[in-house]
Amino acid sequence: MEYRIYQVSFTDAEYDHIDEVGRYNVPKEVFRLDLPISDNISELAKKGLDLGYYKHVSTINTPSSLVLEYEKDLDDNFLLSQELENVFKIGNRGMLDGDVEKYITRYLPMHSISVGDIVETQNGAHKYVVASCGFEKIN
C-alpha cells in the first residue's frame, strides 16, 4: 500500500527568520512546538493543514510481506492500524531489519516520522496524525 507523509517543514529563509525574531514570534514554529503537547492533536493538525504548514515530504510503500498470514483474515480497522504502524516503522529506519529506503520516495527533506506528522491513505480518502500513542483520524 502507498501512503503520503506530510510534515511541518521550513525553508532556509524561514529558519533565518526564526533566528532573527525568536521561535515564539513565528506562528508556524509555535504550531510545531504545540503539536506534541496538544490535548486535541487531530484538530490542531487539521488547522495546520488548512494553514498550509504541512508539506508532502515523501511517499512510503508498505510491502505486503509485513502483513502476517493470520492478519489477512482480520477486520479492516485492525489491518489499517497495522499498516499505519508499518509506515511508522519504515519512517523510523531502525525499527525494521534491512534497508527501508527502498520503500521511501522522498520529495523534500524528511525527518523520522514523529508526533504531529500526517499519514494519508493511498486513495487520499483519510488522513491520520501521529499521536503520542498511536494515530488519530483527522476529520
Protein backbone atom coordinates (compact mmCIF):
# COMPACT_ATOMS: atom_id res chain seq x y z
CA MET A 1 0.00 0.00 0.00
CA GLU A 2 1.11 3.55 -0.69
CA TYR A 3 0.94 6.31 1.94
CA ARG A 4 1.75 10.00 1.63
CA ILE A 5 3.71 11.56 4.50
CA TYR A 6 3.21 15.21 5.46
CA GLN A 7 5.50 17.06 7.85
CA VAL A 8 5.85 20.64 9.03
CA SER A 9 8.92 21.79 7.17
CA PHE A 10 10.78 25.08 6.99
CA THR A 11 12.79 26.77 4.27
CA ASP A 12 16.21 28.23 4.99
CA ALA A 13 14.63 31.69 4.89
CA GLU A 14 12.06 30.62 7.49
CA TYR A 15 14.82 29.30 9.76
CA ASP A 16 16.70 32.59 9.35
CA HIS A 17 13.54 34.48 10.30
CA ILE A 18 13.06 32.30 13.40
CA ASP A 19 16.67 33.01 14.40
CA GLU A 20 16.10 36.71 13.87
CA VAL A 21 12.81 37.22 15.73
CA GLY A 22 12.71 34.22 18.09
CA ARG A 23 10.76 30.99 17.87
CA TYR A 24 7.76 32.22 19.83
CA ASN A 25 7.20 35.08 17.37
CA VAL A 26 6.68 32.81 14.36
CA PRO A 27 3.19 31.19 14.29
CA LYS A 28 4.29 28.17 12.25
CA GLU A 29 7.07 27.39 14.74
CA VAL A 30 4.71 27.83 17.69
CA PHE A 31 2.34 25.42 15.94
CA ARG A 32 5.14 22.86 15.53
CA LEU A 33 6.11 23.18 19.19
CA ASP A 34 2.49 22.78 20.34
CA LEU A 35 1.82 19.56 18.39
CA PRO A 36 3.41 17.05 20.80
CA ILE A 37 1.67 18.55 23.85
CA SER A 38 -1.76 19.18 22.35
CA ASP A 39 -4.85 17.69 24.04
CA ASN A 40 -6.56 17.51 20.64
CA ILE A 41 -3.82 16.75 18.15
CA SER A 42 -6.19 15.81 15.30
CA GLU A 43 -7.92 19.21 15.47
CA LEU A 44 -4.59 21.04 15.64
CA ALA A 45 -3.21 19.02 12.71
CA LYS A 46 -6.31 19.89 10.64
CA LYS A 47 -5.70 23.56 11.40
CA GLY A 48 -2.06 23.18 10.30
CA LEU A 49 -3.17 21.59 7.05
CA ASP A 50 -5.64 24.42 6.44
CA LEU A 51 -2.89 27.00 7.11
CA GLY A 52 -0.50 25.27 4.69
CA TYR A 53 2.07 24.40 7.36
CA TYR A 54 2.39 20.80 6.17
CA LYS A 55 4.27 19.73 3.05
CA HIS A 56 4.14 16.37 1.26
CA VAL A 57 7.68 15.18 2.01
CA SER A 58 7.56 11.54 0.94
CA THR A 59 5.57 8.51 -0.07
CA ILE A 60 6.02 5.20 1.73
CA ASN A 61 5.07 1.91 0.12
CA THR A 62 4.48 -0.82 2.68
CA PRO A 63 5.43 -4.27 1.42
CA SER A 64 2.81 -6.99 1.70
CA SER A 65 5.45 -9.14 3.41
CA LEU A 66 4.96 -7.06 6.56
CA VAL A 67 1.38 -8.36 6.90
CA LEU A 68 1.46 -11.65 8.77
CA GLU A 69 -0.52 -14.57 7.39
CA TYR A 70 -3.05 -14.64 10.26
CA GLU A 71 -3.66 -10.88 9.89
CA LYS A 72 -5.06 -11.28 6.38
CA ASP A 73 -8.34 -12.62 7.81
CA LEU A 74 -8.80 -9.82 10.34
CA ASP A 75 -11.10 -6.81 10.03
CA ASP A 76 -10.23 -3.72 8.00
CA ASN A 77 -9.76 -1.46 11.05
CA PHE A 78 -7.16 -3.77 12.52
CA LEU A 79 -5.37 -4.08 9.18
CA LEU A 80 -5.32 -0.28 8.80
CA SER A 81 -3.82 0.11 12.27
CA GLN A 82 -1.14 -2.46 11.37
CA GLU A 83 -0.43 -0.65 8.09
CA LEU A 84 -0.06 2.69 9.90
CA GLU A 85 2.33 1.05 12.37
CA ASN A 86 4.33 -0.35 9.43
CA VAL A 87 4.52 3.13 7.87
CA PHE A 88 5.80 4.41 11.22
CA LYS A 89 8.42 1.63 11.40
CA ILE A 90 9.65 2.27 7.85
CA GLY A 91 9.77 6.00 8.51
CA ASN A 92 11.93 5.38 11.58
CA ARG A 93 14.57 3.33 9.82
CA GLY A 94 15.99 1.44 12.79
CA MET A 95 12.72 -0.25 13.68
CA LEU A 96 12.85 -2.79 10.84
CA ASP A 97 15.63 -5.11 9.78
CA GLY A 98 17.18 -4.41 6.40
CA ASP A 99 17.15 -1.47 4.03
CA VAL A 100 13.97 0.56 4.39
CA GLU A 101 14.99 3.27 1.92
CA LYS A 102 13.68 1.13 -0.94
CA TYR A 103 10.17 1.73 0.43
CA ILE A 104 10.53 5.54 0.68
CA THR A 105 10.29 8.06 -2.16
CA ARG A 106 11.44 11.45 -0.87
CA TYR A 107 10.30 14.75 -2.35
CA LEU A 108 11.61 17.12 0.33
CA PRO A 109 13.92 16.69 3.31
CA MET A 110 12.24 14.36 5.79
CA HIS A 111 12.92 13.62 9.44
CA SER A 112 11.88 10.35 11.05
CA ILE A 113 8.13 10.05 11.45
CA SER A 114 7.11 11.51 14.79
CA VAL A 115 4.24 13.02 16.77
CA GLY A 116 2.34 15.56 14.67
CA ASP A 117 3.26 14.11 11.27
CA ILE A 118 0.40 13.13 8.97
CA VAL A 119 -0.10 9.87 7.06
CA GLU A 120 -2.58 9.94 4.17
CA THR A 121 -4.10 6.70 2.87
CA GLN A 122 -3.45 5.53 -0.68
CA ASN A 123 -6.63 6.88 -2.20
CA GLY A 124 -6.38 10.15 -0.26
CA ALA A 125 -9.66 9.44 1.48
CA HIS A 126 -8.31 9.57 5.03
CA LYS A 127 -5.59 11.34 6.96
CA TYR A 128 -4.17 10.26 10.31
CA VAL A 129 -1.90 12.24 12.61
CA VAL A 130 0.78 10.50 14.66
CA ALA A 131 -0.26 10.93 18.29
CA SER A 132 1.79 10.32 21.43
CA CYS A 133 0.28 6.83 21.44
CA GLY A 134 -0.89 5.52 18.08
CA PHE A 135 -2.73 7.54 15.42
CA GLU A 136 -5.78 9.81 15.40
CA LYS A 137 -8.02 10.30 12.38
CA ILE A 138 -8.27 13.84 11.05
CA ASN A 139 -11.84 14.79 10.15
